Amino acid sequence: MNNVVTFSRALADPTRWRILSLVMDEALCVCELADILEMPQSTLSSHVQVIRRAGLLESEKCEKWTYFRIERGILPLIREIARQFDSANDRVLKADADKAVRRLAYREASCCPGPRKLISATKRKTHVS
């Protein structure tokens, strides 16, 4: 019973859903998420901890940064929830996705080195090729 409540609590907040939407395909660190969502890192970290406790995130420590991405095993369920609630047409989530693209465009030049293991499948193919 506790697991379903913890899981539901993690999804039951608009900010946490925005975070999950951002880390479905791309591992992001707290500073990147804070920039995209335009909120303090401390607030964002609190939300990330709720999501982590629910077992929805995998993480990678890279130097002093920690990158988060949805746990691969739970990803199909989260995608289906997003599909059922038509998240693809949500204006806030679309704006977040656009900000993420812009933020990631200068990851190399920023303080964040980027993840090594949690890179997206598309980028993994690029690195291997």
Protein backbone atom coordinates (compact mmCIF):
# COMPACT_ATOMS: atom_id res chain seq x y z
CA MET A 1 0.00 0.00 0.00
CA ASN A 2 2.77 2.44 0.87
CA ASN A 3 4.40 2.08 -2.57
CA VAL A 4 1.26 3.05 -4.48
CA VAL A 5 0.74 6.03 -2.16
CA THR A 6 4.37 7.15 -2.56
CA PHE A 7 4.10 6.69 -6.33
CA SER A 8 0.84 8.64 -6.48
CA ARG A 9 2.23 11.42 -4.32
CA ALA A 10 5.18 11.78 -6.68
CA LEU A 11 2.82 12.28 -9.62
CA ALA A 12 0.28 14.45 -7.80
CA ASP A 13 2.10 17.75 -8.05
CA PRO A 14 2.30 19.91 -11.20
CA THR A 15 5.99 20.71 -10.67
CA ARG A 16 6.88 17.06 -10.21
CA TRP A 17 4.97 16.13 -13.38
CA ARG A 18 6.89 18.85 -15.24
CA ILE A 19 10.16 17.37 -13.94
CA LEU A 20 9.14 13.87 -15.01
CA SER A 21 8.16 15.15 -18.44
CA LEU A 22 11.59 16.74 -18.85
CA VAL A 23 13.58 13.69 -17.81
CA MET A 24 11.68 11.11 -19.87
CA ASP A 25 14.24 11.14 -22.67
CA GLU A 26 17.10 13.26 -21.38
CA ALA A 27 19.08 13.09 -18.14
CA LEU A 28 19.22 16.54 -16.55
CA CYS A 29 20.92 17.90 -13.46
CA VAL A 30 19.21 20.05 -10.84
CA CYS A 31 20.77 23.28 -12.12
CA GLU A 32 19.48 22.55 -15.64
CA LEU A 33 16.03 21.72 -14.32
CA ALA A 34 16.05 24.87 -12.18
CA ASP A 35 16.93 26.99 -15.23
CA ILE A 36 14.25 25.38 -17.37
CA LEU A 37 11.53 25.56 -14.71
CA GLU A 38 12.69 28.97 -13.44
CA MET A 39 12.71 28.02 -9.78
CA PRO A 40 15.31 27.87 -7.00
CA GLN A 41 17.51 24.78 -6.90
CA SER A 42 16.51 24.10 -3.29
CA THR A 43 12.82 23.92 -4.23
CA LEU A 44 13.59 21.74 -7.20
CA SER A 45 15.77 19.42 -5.11
CA SER A 46 12.89 18.87 -2.70
CA HIS A 47 10.63 17.82 -5.57
CA VAL A 48 13.33 15.55 -7.02
CA GLN A 49 13.69 13.81 -3.64
CA VAL A 50 9.95 13.02 -3.56
CA ILE A 51 10.21 11.52 -7.05
CA ARG A 52 13.35 9.57 -6.11
CA ARG A 53 11.76 8.12 -2.97
CA ALA A 54 8.95 6.81 -5.18
CA GLY A 55 11.56 4.93 -7.24
CA LEU A 56 10.83 6.84 -10.43
CA LEU A 57 14.30 8.23 -11.11
CA GLU A 58 17.69 6.78 -11.83
CA SER A 59 20.70 8.97 -11.23
CA GLU A 60 24.32 9.36 -12.21
CA LYS A 61 26.89 11.30 -10.23
CA CYS A 62 29.32 13.11 -12.51
CA GLU A 63 31.88 15.22 -10.68
CA LYS A 64 29.80 17.43 -8.36
CA TRP A 65 26.60 17.15 -10.45
CA THR A 66 23.94 14.48 -10.26
CA TYR A 67 21.88 13.76 -13.36
CA PHE A 68 18.39 12.30 -13.23
CA ARG A 69 16.30 10.40 -15.73
CA ILE A 70 13.13 8.35 -15.38
CA GLU A 71 13.91 4.80 -14.32
CA ARG A 72 13.88 2.76 -17.54
CA GLY A 73 11.56 0.11 -16.09
CA ILE A 74 8.89 2.66 -15.16
CA LEU A 75 9.19 4.73 -18.35
CA PRO A 76 6.49 2.84 -20.33
CA LEU A 77 3.98 3.42 -17.52
CA ILE A 78 4.81 7.14 -17.28
CA ARG A 79 4.56 7.51 -21.06
CA GLU A 80 1.16 5.81 -21.01
CA ILE A 81 -0.07 8.10 -18.22
CA ALA A 82 1.14 11.10 -20.23
CA ARG A 83 -0.63 9.77 -23.32
CA GLN A 84 -3.87 9.12 -21.47
CA PHE A 85 -3.92 12.68 -20.16
CA ASP A 86 -2.82 14.20 -23.47
CA SER A 87 0.33 15.74 -21.99
CA ALA A 88 1.71 16.26 -25.49
CA ASN A 89 -0.77 19.12 -25.97
CA ASP A 90 -0.16 20.79 -22.60
CA ARG A 91 1.13 24.35 -23.18
CA VAL A 92 3.25 24.42 -20.02
CA LEU A 93 4.95 21.12 -20.87
CA LYS A 94 5.57 22.28 -24.45
CA ALA A 95 7.15 25.49 -23.16
CA ASP A 96 9.31 23.46 -20.76
CA ALA A 97 10.43 21.21 -23.63
CA ASP A 98 11.38 24.25 -25.73
CA LYS A 99 13.37 25.70 -22.82
CA ALA A 100 15.09 22.35 -22.34
CA VAL A 101 16.22 22.29 -25.96
CA ARG A 102 17.67 25.80 -25.58
CA ARG A 103 19.31 24.96 -22.24
CA LEU A 104 20.87 21.75 -23.54
CA ALA A 105 22.23 23.57 -26.59
CA TYR A 106 24.82 25.20 -24.36
CA ARG A 107 25.45 22.34 -21.92
CA GLU A 108 28.98 21.89 -23.28
CA ALA A 109 29.81 25.54 -22.54
CA SER A 110 28.10 25.57 -19.14
CA CYS A 111 29.33 24.33 -15.79
CA CYS A 112 27.52 20.99 -16.23
CA PRO A 113 29.70 18.33 -17.85
CA GLY A 114 26.72 16.16 -18.82
CA PRO A 115 26.04 12.54 -17.90
CA ARG A 116 28.15 9.68 -19.19
CA LYS A 117 25.92 6.63 -18.59
CA LEU A 118 22.45 8.21 -18.69
CA ILE A 119 22.75 9.73 -22.13
CA SER A 120 19.70 9.43 -24.34
CA ALA A 121 19.39 6.52 -26.77
CA THR A 122 19.73 8.92 -29.72
CA LYS A 123 22.94 10.39 -28.35
CA ARG A 124 24.25 6.93 -27.43
CA LYS A 125 23.99 5.92 -31.12
CA THR A 126 25.81 9.13 -32.06
CA HIS A 127 28.62 8.39 -29.60
CA VAL A 128 29.01 4.83 -30.89
CA SER A 129 28.95 5.75 -34.59
